[in-house]
Amino acid sequence: MDADVIIIGAGLAGLVASNELVRAGRRVAIVEQENARNLGGQAFWSFGGIFLVDTPMQRRLGVKDSFDLAWQDWQGSAAWDRLDGDLPEDEWAARWGRAYVEFAAGEKRSWLQEQGVRFTPLVGWAERGSGTAAGHGNSVPRFHVPWGTGTGISEPFADKARAAAEAGSVTFHFRHRVDGLIFDGDAVVGVHGSVLAPDDAARGVASNRDRVADFEGRAQAVVIASGGIGGNHERVREWWPQRLGTPPSSMITGVPQHVDGRMLDIAAEAGARLVNRDRMWHYTEGVQNWDPVWPQHGIRILPGPSSMWFDALGRRLPVPGLPGYDTLGTLKLLRTTPDIAQYDHSWFILTQKMIEKEFALSGSEQNPDLTDRDLGLLVRSRLGRGAPPPVEAFKRNGADFVVAASLGELVAGMNALTDTPLLDVGTIERQIRQRDAELDNPYSKDTQVLGIHNSRRFLGDRLTRTASPHKILDPRAGPLIAVRLHVITRKSLGGIQTDLSGKVFGAGGRPIPGLYAAGEAAGFGGGGAHGYNALEGTFLGGCIFSGRAVGRSIADLL
């Protein structure tokens, strides 16, 4: 396995780093616990959204964006506050955040296009924020959708790695699990671990952990690109922050089971400094996958702005608990409000007219029109009559969906999905009628209704993501639909602290010679480039940016 560089993990960050090293004439060994079908990692499964600033796609849709506005949004969202003391946890995180926004406003789009990534004209408005100009959220739409969704991002780099393997510049070592780092003095010079028994499991499906042999590999540099902890609920609960209340007793999982954080613990035991481990990104709009790939497989709903959101007792969530606005703000509401913290679910109530226009599902497999680059299917699915076929399949087959002709029937169906009936039809009807009364005028005092009107002013949302304003109890917009929502695990925002070249800091604050980290394992750069909040479209971008930086840095040194 000897090579110039060993990369632990065959996900997006590792593939990007490998590509940069191969271009510089270096030999790379990629060590991956799973089989070859999992090349590309979590990125393959994602919707693929990419955070870009001031693009032609934005300008065509009338969006005025700039680096200054994006950096204002990023700082307001990150809210870095661990900047004091001898070894501040946010020192390098903030530097990485600034560098990433400069990349997103600069060469990122053209560089990705050079790598083979192609973008649709679609620009989404994700994480609309907490309601203040200086706080969390995107002031304008920045969520750029690639052709191919997540596969359109991961596969160009996977293809380059496959081609490099054929040329002899890259060697793949699948079913090789790293158990530790090899040191020569204070420098990392390799890895050792277990060869696992062959397993032909499909992509994302849990594989065996049967050890059949040991292995060892040496190199001039080692890169940790092993991902986060989202597949390990025990680790998620261990690091769950007090500011978000109590962790749910039951969650669903948005990443394959092997995303378990094991390599982070190995890095820490070897002396690497891990920071901001209590910062994480889990969604509140998860539904159980009716056709699961991995255990407890969940899918996140990407909601438009119109569904009404209720807690487990049937009370409408206050601001910032609005669909698509403030992910962690909503999670905090649900987990810190005393009389509902014991419940692990909340509810959307909406109409057929809303689901047809506003519901999208996260995941490459849930968006065949974009993933397969089928323009005709895209037009029929997003602009035609009815909900997109994958959404309709969830409505028909999903365990969390209730469809009814009347509100009484709907609430009865919702109560049937919980151990005890918690919802009162009169209470819910009163709140819906209060909201519906705000639709008689083109202006309103209701924050959500104001947001719907604001959304309709953006051409992209008006065409594909926001239904024309209407009353939920208008029978012409029916039937009524309720969706039981779960917390779905996804991303770690903290991780291994690195400098801007990706060098890993030791516990004493000095870089460990020969050791680098990229992607989610490094908190997408510096141990926390996002700070406390993400602006969306920034996870894949963070893997790309940090992987590129690490690959170039090592290539320059060797």
Protein backbone atom coordinates (compact mmCIF):
# COMPACT_ATOMS: atom_id res chain seq x y z
CA MET A 1 0.00 0.00 0.00
CA ASP A 2 2.99 2.33 0.12
CA ALA A 3 2.29 5.60 -1.68
CA ASP A 4 3.17 9.26 -1.50
CA VAL A 5 -0.13 9.95 0.27
CA ILE A 6 -2.71 7.75 2.00
CA ILE A 7 -6.27 9.07 2.07
CA ILE A 8 -8.67 7.56 4.61
CA GLY A 9 -12.14 7.65 3.09
CA ALA A 10 -13.41 7.46 -0.49
CA GLY A 11 -16.02 10.21 -0.14
CA LEU A 12 -16.08 13.55 -1.92
CA ALA A 13 -13.36 15.28 0.14
CA GLY A 14 -10.97 12.37 -0.28
CA LEU A 15 -11.64 12.12 -4.02
CA VAL A 16 -11.05 15.85 -4.56
CA ALA A 17 -7.78 15.69 -2.61
CA SER A 18 -6.73 12.65 -4.63
CA ASN A 19 -7.48 14.43 -7.89
CA GLU A 20 -5.26 17.37 -6.94
CA LEU A 21 -2.43 15.06 -5.91
CA VAL A 22 -2.62 12.98 -9.09
CA ARG A 23 -2.56 16.14 -11.20
CA ALA A 24 0.68 17.03 -9.43
CA GLY A 25 2.19 13.63 -10.25
CA ARG A 26 1.83 12.05 -6.80
CA ARG A 27 0.87 8.43 -6.04
CA VAL A 28 -2.20 8.02 -3.85
CA ALA A 29 -3.62 5.10 -1.88
CA ILE A 30 -7.31 5.46 -0.96
CA VAL A 31 -8.31 3.31 2.02
CA GLU A 32 -12.04 2.70 2.43
CA GLN A 33 -13.91 0.54 4.92
CA GLU A 34 -16.84 -0.13 2.55
CA ASN A 35 -16.83 -1.82 -0.86
CA ALA A 36 -16.25 -0.23 -4.26
CA ARG A 37 -19.93 0.46 -4.77
CA ASN A 38 -19.71 3.18 -2.14
CA LEU A 39 -17.17 5.32 -4.01
CA GLY A 40 -18.29 8.94 -3.61
CA GLY A 41 -19.63 8.47 -0.08
CA GLN A 42 -22.55 10.50 1.21
CA ALA A 43 -22.31 13.01 -1.62
CA PHE A 44 -23.71 10.39 -4.00
CA TRP A 45 -26.94 10.23 -1.97
CA SER A 46 -27.41 13.98 -1.59
CA PHE A 47 -29.62 16.45 -3.42
CA GLY A 48 -26.37 18.06 -4.48
CA GLY A 49 -27.13 21.71 -3.79
CA ILE A 50 -24.17 24.07 -3.99
CA PHE A 51 -23.82 27.49 -2.32
CA LEU A 52 -22.67 30.01 -4.94
CA VAL A 53 -22.60 33.80 -4.86
CA ASP A 54 -23.40 36.30 -7.65
CA THR A 55 -23.82 33.81 -10.49
CA PRO A 56 -25.37 34.20 -13.95
CA MET A 57 -28.18 31.89 -12.79
CA GLN A 58 -28.99 34.24 -9.92
CA ARG A 59 -28.83 37.32 -12.12
CA ARG A 60 -31.16 35.79 -14.71
CA LEU A 61 -33.72 35.34 -11.93
CA GLY A 62 -33.33 38.94 -10.74
CA VAL A 63 -31.21 38.16 -7.67
CA LYS A 64 -28.62 40.76 -6.65
CA ASP A 65 -25.92 39.07 -4.62
CA SER A 66 -22.36 39.91 -3.61
CA PHE A 67 -19.47 38.69 -1.51
CA ASP A 68 -20.21 41.36 1.11
CA LEU A 69 -23.82 40.23 1.51
CA ALA A 70 -22.86 36.56 1.59
CA TRP A 71 -20.13 37.17 4.17
CA GLN A 72 -22.57 39.16 6.30
CA ASP A 73 -24.98 36.22 6.16
CA TRP A 74 -22.25 33.68 6.91
CA GLN A 75 -20.98 35.57 9.96
CA GLY A 76 -24.51 36.09 11.27
CA SER A 77 -25.20 32.39 10.91
CA ALA A 78 -21.87 31.13 12.21
CA ALA A 79 -21.91 33.32 15.33
CA TRP A 80 -18.40 32.16 16.22
CA ASP A 81 -17.94 32.80 19.93
CA ARG A 82 -15.01 30.59 20.94
CA LEU A 83 -12.27 33.02 20.00
CA ASP A 84 -10.62 33.67 23.36
CA GLY A 85 -7.95 31.88 25.35
CA ASP A 86 -4.68 30.22 24.41
CA LEU A 87 -6.18 27.70 21.95
CA PRO A 88 -9.50 29.14 20.73
CA GLU A 89 -11.69 26.54 19.06
CA ASP A 90 -13.05 29.00 16.49
CA GLU A 91 -9.78 30.66 15.44
CA TRP A 92 -9.21 28.56 12.35
CA ALA A 93 -12.91 27.88 11.80
CA ALA A 94 -13.52 31.58 11.17
CA ARG A 95 -10.57 31.78 8.78
CA TRP A 96 -11.90 28.80 6.85
CA GLY A 97 -15.37 30.35 6.74
CA ARG A 98 -14.02 33.56 5.23
CA ALA A 99 -11.90 31.66 2.70
CA TYR A 100 -14.87 29.51 1.69
CA VAL A 101 -17.16 32.47 1.03
CA GLU A 102 -14.40 34.05 -1.07
CA PHE A 103 -14.21 30.77 -3.04
CA ALA A 104 -18.01 30.65 -3.47
CA ALA A 105 -18.05 34.24 -4.73
CA GLY A 106 -14.99 33.71 -6.92
CA GLU A 107 -13.69 30.76 -8.91
CA LYS A 108 -15.86 28.01 -7.42
CA ARG A 109 -18.45 27.80 -10.23
CA SER A 110 -15.93 27.97 -13.08
CA TRP A 111 -13.61 25.50 -11.34
CA LEU A 112 -16.43 23.02 -10.80
CA GLN A 113 -17.42 23.33 -14.44
CA GLU A 114 -13.82 22.58 -15.40
CA GLN A 115 -14.11 19.38 -13.34
CA GLY A 116 -17.21 18.30 -15.24
CA VAL A 117 -20.01 19.60 -12.99
CA ARG A 118 -22.98 21.13 -14.81
CA PHE A 119 -25.69 23.26 -13.23
CA THR A 120 -29.40 23.56 -13.93
CA PRO A 121 -30.98 27.04 -14.14
CA LEU A 122 -32.64 26.33 -10.76
CA VAL A 123 -31.61 28.42 -7.74
CA GLY A 124 -33.34 27.64 -4.46
CA TRP A 125 -33.82 29.77 -1.39
CA ALA A 126 -32.74 27.59 1.52
CA GLU A 127 -32.44 28.60 5.20
CA ARG A 128 -34.34 31.87 4.88
CA GLY A 129 -33.31 32.71 8.38
CA SER A 130 -34.28 33.76 11.87
CA GLY A 131 -35.84 37.08 10.90
CA THR A 132 -33.09 39.68 11.28
CA ALA A 133 -30.72 41.12 8.70
CA ALA A 134 -27.66 40.46 10.86
CA GLY A 135 -28.75 37.03 12.07
CA HIS A 136 -28.87 33.54 10.63
CA GLY A 137 -30.04 32.90 7.10
CA ASN A 138 -29.61 33.58 3.40
CA SER A 139 -30.71 37.07 2.41
CA VAL A 140 -31.15 35.86 -1.19
CA PRO A 141 -31.46 32.50 -2.99
CA ARG A 142 -28.03 30.83 -3.36
CA PHE A 143 -28.81 27.09 -3.51
CA HIS A 144 -27.65 26.03 -7.00
CA VAL A 145 -28.83 22.63 -8.23
CA PRO A 146 -26.50 20.53 -10.40
CA TRP A 147 -27.58 18.21 -13.17
CA GLY A 148 -27.31 14.77 -11.63
CA THR A 149 -28.05 16.03 -8.08
CA GLY A 150 -25.45 14.52 -5.73
CA THR A 151 -24.18 12.15 -8.39
CA GLY A 152 -23.51 15.16 -10.60
CA ILE A 153 -21.08 16.40 -7.96
CA SER A 154 -19.49 13.14 -6.80
CA GLU A 155 -19.22 11.18 -10.03
CA PRO A 156 -16.92 13.56 -11.95
CA PHE A 157 -14.37 13.16 -9.15
CA ALA A 158 -15.04 9.42 -8.80
CA ASP A 159 -14.50 9.03 -12.55
CA LYS A 160 -11.16 10.85 -12.28
CA ALA A 161 -10.11 8.53 -9.46
CA ARG A 162 -11.10 5.45 -11.48
CA ALA A 163 -9.14 6.73 -14.47
CA ALA A 164 -6.12 7.41 -12.24
CA ALA A 165 -6.38 3.87 -10.86
CA GLU A 166 -6.28 2.48 -14.39
CA ALA A 167 -3.21 4.62 -15.06
CA GLY A 168 -1.51 3.41 -11.87
CA SER A 169 -1.50 6.73 -9.99
CA VAL A 170 -4.22 5.67 -7.52
CA THR A 171 -4.71 2.38 -5.72
CA PHE A 172 -8.02 1.59 -4.08
CA HIS A 173 -8.06 -0.48 -0.89
CA PHE A 174 -11.72 -1.23 -0.24
CA ARG A 175 -12.81 -3.22 2.81
CA HIS A 176 -9.77 -1.89 4.66
CA ARG A 177 -10.68 -0.38 8.03
CA VAL A 178 -8.12 1.93 9.62
CA ASP A 179 -7.60 1.15 13.31
CA GLY A 180 -4.72 3.52 14.05
CA LEU A 181 -2.03 5.86 12.79
CA ILE A 182 1.66 4.96 12.55
CA PHE A 183 4.17 7.45 14.00
CA ASP A 184 7.87 7.91 13.50
CA GLY A 185 8.78 10.20 16.34
CA ASP A 186 6.17 12.95 16.33
CA ALA A 187 5.31 12.54 12.62
CA VAL A 188 2.54 10.42 11.10
CA VAL A 189 4.02 8.08 8.47
CA GLY A 190 1.19 5.65 7.81
CA VAL A 191 -1.84 3.70 8.95
CA HIS A 192 -2.61 0.22 10.21
CA GLY A 193 -5.86 -1.64 10.44
CA SER A 194 -8.05 -4.60 9.59
CA VAL A 195 -8.91 -6.17 6.27
CA LEU A 196 -12.63 -6.96 6.40
CA ALA A 197 -14.26 -9.94 4.75
CA PRO A 198 -15.56 -9.34 1.22
CA ASP A 199 -19.13 -8.04 1.12
CA ASP A 200 -21.05 -7.39 -2.08
CA ALA A 201 -23.73 -5.28 -0.37
CA ALA A 202 -25.40 -2.61 -2.47
CA ARG A 203 -24.36 1.03 -2.02
CA GLY A 204 -25.37 2.30 1.41
CA VAL A 205 -26.48 -1.11 2.72
CA ALA A 206 -24.90 -2.20 6.00
CA SER A 207 -21.89 -4.49 5.50
CA ASN A 208 -20.14 -7.05 7.70
CA ARG A 209 -17.33 -6.19 10.13
CA ASP A 210 -15.63 -9.59 10.01
CA ARG A 211 -11.85 -9.17 10.26
CA VAL A 212 -9.83 -11.57 8.09
CA ALA A 213 -6.34 -10.01 8.15
CA ASP A 214 -4.27 -7.03 9.22
CA PHE A 215 -2.71 -4.42 6.98
CA GLU A 216 -0.22 -1.59 7.20
CA GLY A 217 0.59 1.22 4.80
CA ARG A 218 3.21 3.96 4.84
CA ALA A 219 3.33 7.33 3.11
CA GLN A 220 4.77 10.81 3.39
CA ALA A 221 1.35 12.19 4.38
CA VAL A 222 -1.96 10.83 5.64
CA VAL A 223 -5.31 12.55 5.04
CA ILE A 224 -8.33 11.84 7.25
CA ALA A 225 -11.46 12.27 5.11
CA SER A 226 -13.69 9.81 6.93
CA GLY A 227 -16.84 11.87 7.49
CA GLY A 228 -18.90 12.57 10.59
CA ILE A 229 -21.13 10.83 13.12
CA GLY A 230 -24.66 11.04 11.65
CA GLY A 231 -25.09 7.26 11.36
CA ASN A 232 -24.26 6.72 15.03
CA HIS A 233 -27.14 7.83 17.26
CA GLU A 234 -25.16 6.99 20.41
CA ARG A 235 -22.45 9.49 19.39
CA VAL A 236 -25.06 12.08 18.39
CA ARG A 237 -26.63 11.87 21.82
CA GLU A 238 -23.24 11.94 23.54
CA TRP A 239 -22.33 15.25 21.92
CA TRP A 240 -25.85 16.73 21.82
CA PRO A 241 -25.56 20.37 23.01
CA GLN A 242 -27.43 21.63 26.06
CA ARG A 243 -28.57 24.68 24.09
CA LEU A 244 -30.75 22.37 21.96
CA GLY A 245 -32.40 20.77 24.95
CA THR A 246 -32.70 17.01 25.30
CA PRO A 247 -31.88 14.70 22.39
CA PRO A 248 -34.86 12.78 21.02
CA SER A 249 -35.27 9.25 22.31
CA SER A 250 -36.11 8.23 18.76
CA MET A 251 -34.53 9.60 15.58
CA ILE A 252 -34.25 8.51 11.97
CA THR A 253 -31.03 8.49 10.01
CA GLY A 254 -30.12 10.59 6.99
CA VAL A 255 -26.78 8.91 6.21
CA PRO A 256 -25.62 5.28 5.87
CA GLN A 257 -24.88 3.34 9.04
CA HIS A 258 -21.10 3.33 8.44
CA VAL A 259 -20.95 7.12 9.01
CA ASP A 260 -20.19 6.41 12.64
CA GLY A 261 -17.42 8.82 13.69
CA ARG A 262 -15.05 5.98 14.55
CA MET A 263 -12.07 7.61 12.80
CA LEU A 264 -12.59 10.82 14.78
CA ASP A 265 -12.06 8.92 18.00
CA ILE A 266 -8.95 7.25 16.56
CA ALA A 267 -7.58 10.66 15.56
CA ALA A 268 -8.22 12.04 19.04
CA GLU A 269 -6.49 9.06 20.66
CA ALA A 270 -3.49 9.72 18.38
CA GLY A 271 -3.27 13.28 19.67
CA ALA A 272 -5.32 15.27 17.14
CA ARG A 273 -7.28 18.20 18.52
CA LEU A 274 -11.04 17.94 18.02
CA VAL A 275 -13.10 21.08 18.57
CA ASN A 276 -16.73 22.19 18.50
CA ARG A 277 -18.01 18.62 18.77
CA ASP A 278 -21.27 19.92 20.23
CA ARG A 279 -22.12 21.69 16.97
CA MET A 280 -24.22 19.57 14.68
CA TRP A 281 -26.83 19.84 11.95
CA HIS A 282 -29.91 17.66 12.16
CA TYR A 283 -33.19 18.32 10.41
CA THR A 284 -36.68 18.43 11.87
CA GLU A 285 -38.59 17.58 8.67
CA GLY A 286 -37.63 13.90 8.40
CA VAL A 287 -39.99 11.13 7.31
CA GLN A 288 -39.46 7.38 7.42
CA ASN A 289 -38.38 6.02 4.05
CA TRP A 290 -41.01 3.57 2.84
CA ASP A 291 -38.31 1.91 0.67
CA PRO A 292 -35.24 2.01 2.97
CA VAL A 293 -31.63 1.34 2.02
CA TRP A 294 -29.95 1.51 5.44
CA PRO A 295 -31.30 1.00 8.98
CA GLN A 296 -33.79 3.65 10.16
CA HIS A 297 -33.41 5.32 6.76
CA GLY A 298 -35.04 8.74 6.73
CA ILE A 299 -35.66 11.28 3.99
CA ARG A 300 -35.80 15.01 4.59
CA ILE A 301 -38.65 17.02 3.11
CA LEU A 302 -37.40 20.19 1.43
CA PRO A 303 -40.50 22.28 2.13
CA GLY A 304 -41.80 25.40 0.48
CA PRO A 305 -43.04 28.15 2.80
CA SER A 306 -46.79 27.42 3.03
CA SER A 307 -47.36 24.31 5.19
CA MET A 308 -48.55 25.00 8.73
CA TRP A 309 -46.23 23.53 11.35
CA PHE A 310 -47.68 22.18 14.61
CA ASP A 311 -46.02 20.68 17.66
CA ALA A 312 -46.97 17.26 19.04
CA LEU A 313 -49.83 18.82 21.04
CA GLY A 314 -51.29 20.59 18.02
CA ARG A 315 -50.03 24.14 18.62
CA ARG A 316 -48.71 26.15 15.72
CA LEU A 317 -44.96 26.69 16.04
CA PRO A 318 -43.87 30.28 16.64
CA VAL A 319 -41.19 32.05 14.62
CA PRO A 320 -38.54 30.86 13.67
CA GLY A 321 -40.42 27.55 13.35
CA LEU A 322 -41.44 28.12 9.75
CA PRO A 323 -40.84 25.64 6.92
CA GLY A 324 -37.48 26.27 5.25
CA TYR A 325 -36.39 29.12 7.54
CA ASP A 326 -34.25 28.13 10.52
CA THR A 327 -33.31 24.49 10.95
CA LEU A 328 -31.66 24.63 14.35
CA GLY A 329 -33.96 27.38 15.61
CA THR A 330 -36.88 25.02 15.00
CA LEU A 331 -35.03 22.08 16.53
CA LYS A 332 -34.41 24.18 19.65
CA LEU A 333 -38.10 25.06 19.89
CA LEU A 334 -39.09 21.41 19.70
CA ARG A 335 -36.47 20.15 22.17
CA THR A 336 -36.50 22.92 24.82
CA THR A 337 -40.23 23.66 25.20
CA PRO A 338 -40.96 21.80 28.46
CA ASP A 339 -44.34 20.22 27.73
CA ILE A 340 -43.39 18.84 24.29
CA ALA A 341 -39.75 17.81 24.84
CA GLN A 342 -40.97 14.30 25.75
CA TYR A 343 -42.34 13.87 22.22
CA ASP A 344 -40.12 13.15 19.24
CA HIS A 345 -42.38 14.37 16.46
CA SER A 346 -44.15 17.40 15.04
CA TRP A 347 -46.62 17.88 12.17
CA PHE A 348 -47.10 19.62 8.86
CA ILE A 349 -50.66 20.29 7.73
CA LEU A 350 -51.08 21.34 4.11
CA THR A 351 -53.20 20.93 1.00
CA GLN A 352 -52.85 18.93 -2.19
CA LYS A 353 -52.23 22.21 -4.00
CA MET A 354 -49.27 22.89 -1.69
CA ILE A 355 -47.72 19.44 -1.92
CA GLU A 356 -47.82 19.58 -5.71
CA LYS A 357 -45.78 22.76 -5.87
CA GLU A 358 -43.81 22.92 -2.65
CA PHE A 359 -42.63 19.47 -1.58
CA ALA A 360 -39.28 18.16 -2.73
CA LEU A 361 -37.38 15.28 -1.17
CA SER A 362 -33.69 15.33 -0.38
CA GLY A 363 -31.66 12.62 -2.08
CA SER A 364 -30.41 11.71 -5.52
CA GLU A 365 -32.69 8.67 -5.67
CA GLN A 366 -35.72 10.84 -4.85
CA ASN A 367 -35.18 13.17 -7.80
CA PRO A 368 -34.94 11.00 -10.93
CA ASP A 369 -35.63 13.93 -13.26
CA LEU A 370 -32.56 15.85 -12.07
CA THR A 371 -30.42 12.81 -11.29
CA ASP A 372 -31.01 11.29 -14.73
CA ARG A 373 -30.74 14.72 -16.40
CA ASP A 374 -34.12 14.21 -18.02
CA LEU A 375 -35.35 17.65 -19.07
CA GLY A 376 -38.72 16.36 -20.24
CA LEU A 377 -39.36 14.61 -16.92
CA LEU A 378 -38.16 17.71 -15.07
CA VAL A 379 -40.75 19.89 -16.83
CA ARG A 380 -43.53 17.34 -16.29
CA SER A 381 -42.60 16.73 -12.64
CA ARG A 382 -41.96 20.29 -11.49
CA LEU A 383 -44.31 22.31 -13.70
CA GLY A 384 -47.00 19.80 -14.66
CA ARG A 385 -50.14 18.71 -12.84
CA GLY A 386 -49.83 16.66 -9.68
CA ALA A 387 -46.99 16.18 -7.23
CA PRO A 388 -43.63 14.85 -8.47
CA PRO A 389 -43.83 11.03 -8.63
CA PRO A 390 -41.45 10.38 -5.68
CA VAL A 391 -43.48 12.77 -3.51
CA GLU A 392 -46.69 11.10 -4.59
CA ALA A 393 -45.15 7.71 -3.73
CA PHE A 394 -44.40 8.90 -0.19
CA LYS A 395 -47.91 10.32 0.15
CA ARG A 396 -49.32 6.97 -0.91
CA ASN A 397 -46.93 4.60 0.89
CA GLY A 398 -45.23 6.57 3.66
CA ALA A 399 -46.00 5.63 7.25
CA ASP A 400 -46.02 9.32 8.26
CA PHE A 401 -48.60 10.62 5.77
CA VAL A 402 -52.33 11.11 6.38
CA VAL A 403 -54.72 12.20 3.61
CA ALA A 404 -58.36 13.12 4.27
CA ALA A 405 -61.27 15.02 2.79
CA SER A 406 -62.16 16.81 6.04
CA LEU A 407 -60.24 18.22 8.97
CA GLY A 408 -62.02 15.89 11.39
CA GLU A 409 -60.93 12.85 9.43
CA LEU A 410 -57.42 14.25 9.12
CA VAL A 411 -56.98 14.81 12.87
CA ALA A 412 -58.39 11.35 13.60
CA GLY A 413 -55.79 9.88 11.25
CA MET A 414 -53.04 11.90 12.92
CA ASN A 415 -54.07 10.68 16.36
CA ALA A 416 -54.01 7.11 15.06
CA LEU A 417 -50.27 7.48 14.39
CA THR A 418 -49.34 8.20 18.03
CA ASP A 419 -49.49 5.98 21.12
CA THR A 420 -52.17 8.21 22.67
CA PRO A 421 -54.41 10.78 20.95
CA LEU A 422 -52.79 14.16 21.58
CA LEU A 423 -54.61 16.39 19.11
CA ASP A 424 -57.91 18.24 19.46
CA VAL A 425 -59.67 19.02 16.19
CA GLY A 426 -61.22 22.21 17.54
CA THR A 427 -57.85 23.63 18.60
CA ILE A 428 -56.29 22.89 15.24
CA GLU A 429 -59.28 24.22 13.29
CA ARG A 430 -59.20 27.51 15.20
CA GLN A 431 -55.53 28.06 14.36
CA ILE A 432 -56.01 27.18 10.70
CA ARG A 433 -58.98 29.55 10.40
CA GLN A 434 -56.93 32.34 12.02
CA ARG A 435 -54.22 31.80 9.44
CA ASP A 436 -56.73 31.53 6.58
CA ALA A 437 -58.27 34.88 7.54
CA GLU A 438 -54.94 36.51 6.69
CA LEU A 439 -55.32 35.43 3.04
CA ASP A 440 -58.15 37.86 2.25
CA ASN A 441 -55.65 40.65 1.54
CA PRO A 442 -52.31 40.82 -0.27
CA TYR A 443 -50.74 41.97 2.99
CA SER A 444 -50.75 40.50 6.46
CA LYS A 445 -49.47 40.67 10.03
CA ASP A 446 -48.79 36.92 10.04
CA THR A 447 -45.05 36.29 9.61
CA GLN A 448 -45.55 33.10 7.62
CA VAL A 449 -48.08 34.67 5.27
CA LEU A 450 -45.71 37.61 4.78
CA GLY A 451 -43.03 35.09 3.89
CA ILE A 452 -45.26 33.41 1.31
CA HIS A 453 -45.88 36.72 -0.43
CA ASN A 454 -42.14 37.50 -0.24
CA SER A 455 -41.30 34.12 -1.74
CA ARG A 456 -43.69 34.66 -4.65
CA ARG A 457 -41.74 37.80 -5.57
CA PHE A 458 -38.74 35.62 -6.46
CA LEU A 459 -39.29 34.19 -9.93
CA GLY A 460 -37.66 30.85 -9.18
CA ASP A 461 -39.94 30.22 -6.20
CA ARG A 462 -43.04 31.42 -8.00
CA LEU A 463 -42.41 28.98 -10.86
CA THR A 464 -41.38 25.87 -8.95
CA ARG A 465 -41.45 26.17 -5.15
CA THR A 466 -44.32 28.30 -3.80
CA ALA A 467 -48.00 27.62 -4.36
CA SER A 468 -50.26 30.58 -5.02
CA PRO A 469 -51.59 31.78 -1.63
CA HIS A 470 -54.80 30.02 -0.66
CA LYS A 471 -56.78 28.98 2.38
CA ILE A 472 -55.99 25.56 3.80
CA LEU A 473 -59.68 24.85 4.45
CA ASP A 474 -60.69 25.78 0.88
CA PRO A 475 -62.09 22.46 -0.45
CA ARG A 476 -60.92 23.37 -3.96
CA ALA A 477 -57.31 23.09 -2.74
CA GLY A 478 -57.82 19.67 -1.13
CA PRO A 479 -57.60 16.98 -0.05
CA LEU A 480 -55.97 17.85 3.26
CA ILE A 481 -52.62 16.26 4.09
CA ALA A 482 -50.77 15.82 7.37
CA VAL A 483 -47.17 14.66 7.71
CA ARG A 484 -45.65 13.41 10.93
CA LEU A 485 -42.11 14.77 11.13
CA HIS A 486 -39.10 13.26 12.89
CA VAL A 487 -35.64 14.53 13.76
CA ILE A 488 -33.30 13.13 11.12
CA THR A 489 -29.56 12.99 11.80
CA ARG A 490 -27.22 14.40 9.18
CA LYS A 491 -24.02 16.42 9.72
CA SER A 492 -21.30 17.18 12.25
CA LEU A 493 -20.33 20.86 12.20
CA GLY A 494 -17.28 20.44 14.42
CA GLY A 495 -14.30 18.15 14.00
CA ILE A 496 -10.54 17.97 13.68
CA GLN A 497 -8.96 21.41 13.91
CA THR A 498 -6.79 22.28 10.90
CA ASP A 499 -4.98 25.28 9.51
CA LEU A 500 -5.81 26.64 6.05
CA SER A 501 -3.62 24.01 4.39
CA GLY A 502 -5.44 21.21 6.20
CA LYS A 503 -2.61 20.36 8.62
CA VAL A 504 -4.02 18.77 11.77
CA PHE A 505 -3.33 20.45 15.09
CA GLY A 506 -2.29 18.37 18.06
CA ALA A 507 -3.77 18.77 21.51
CA GLY A 508 -1.03 21.27 22.37
CA GLY A 509 -1.85 23.53 19.45
CA ARG A 510 0.99 22.61 17.09
CA PRO A 511 0.50 20.85 13.75
CA ILE A 512 1.19 17.11 13.71
CA PRO A 513 3.74 16.53 10.91
CA GLY A 514 2.39 14.41 8.08
CA LEU A 515 -1.28 14.47 9.19
CA TYR A 516 -4.07 16.31 7.36
CA ALA A 517 -7.87 16.33 7.47
CA ALA A 518 -10.62 17.39 5.07
CA GLY A 519 -14.38 17.37 4.68
CA GLU A 520 -16.82 16.66 7.48
CA ALA A 521 -14.09 15.06 9.61
CA ALA A 522 -12.49 18.52 9.78
CA GLY A 523 -15.77 20.35 10.37
CA PHE A 524 -15.59 21.27 6.66
CA GLY A 525 -12.40 23.17 7.44
CA GLY A 526 -10.70 24.33 10.62
CA GLY A 527 -12.93 22.27 12.88
CA GLY A 528 -16.07 24.30 12.24
CA ALA A 529 -16.23 26.56 9.18
CA HIS A 530 -20.01 26.84 9.56
CA GLY A 531 -19.97 27.85 13.19
CA TYR A 532 -23.33 27.14 14.75
CA ASN A 533 -25.47 27.19 11.58
CA ALA A 534 -25.24 26.21 7.94
CA LEU A 535 -26.57 28.22 5.02
CA GLU A 536 -27.20 25.02 3.01
CA GLY A 537 -25.49 24.02 -0.19
CA THR A 538 -22.34 24.33 1.92
CA PHE A 539 -21.62 20.74 2.93
CA LEU A 540 -20.60 19.37 -0.44
CA GLY A 541 -18.92 22.69 -1.14
CA GLY A 542 -16.98 22.43 2.13
CA CYS A 543 -15.82 18.92 1.20
CA ILE A 544 -14.71 20.19 -2.21
CA PHE A 545 -12.94 23.28 -0.89
CA SER A 546 -11.14 21.56 1.98
CA GLY A 547 -10.22 18.52 -0.14
CA ARG A 548 -8.80 20.80 -2.83
CA ALA A 549 -6.81 22.81 -0.29
CA VAL A 550 -5.35 19.68 1.32
CA GLY A 551 -4.45 18.07 -2.00
CA ARG A 552 -2.73 21.20 -3.27
CA SER A 553 -0.91 21.83 0.00
CA ILE A 554 0.54 18.31 0.18
CA ALA A 555 1.46 18.36 -3.51
CA ASP A 556 3.42 21.55 -2.97
CA LEU A 557 5.34 20.08 -0.04
CA LEU A 558 6.27 16.67 -1.45
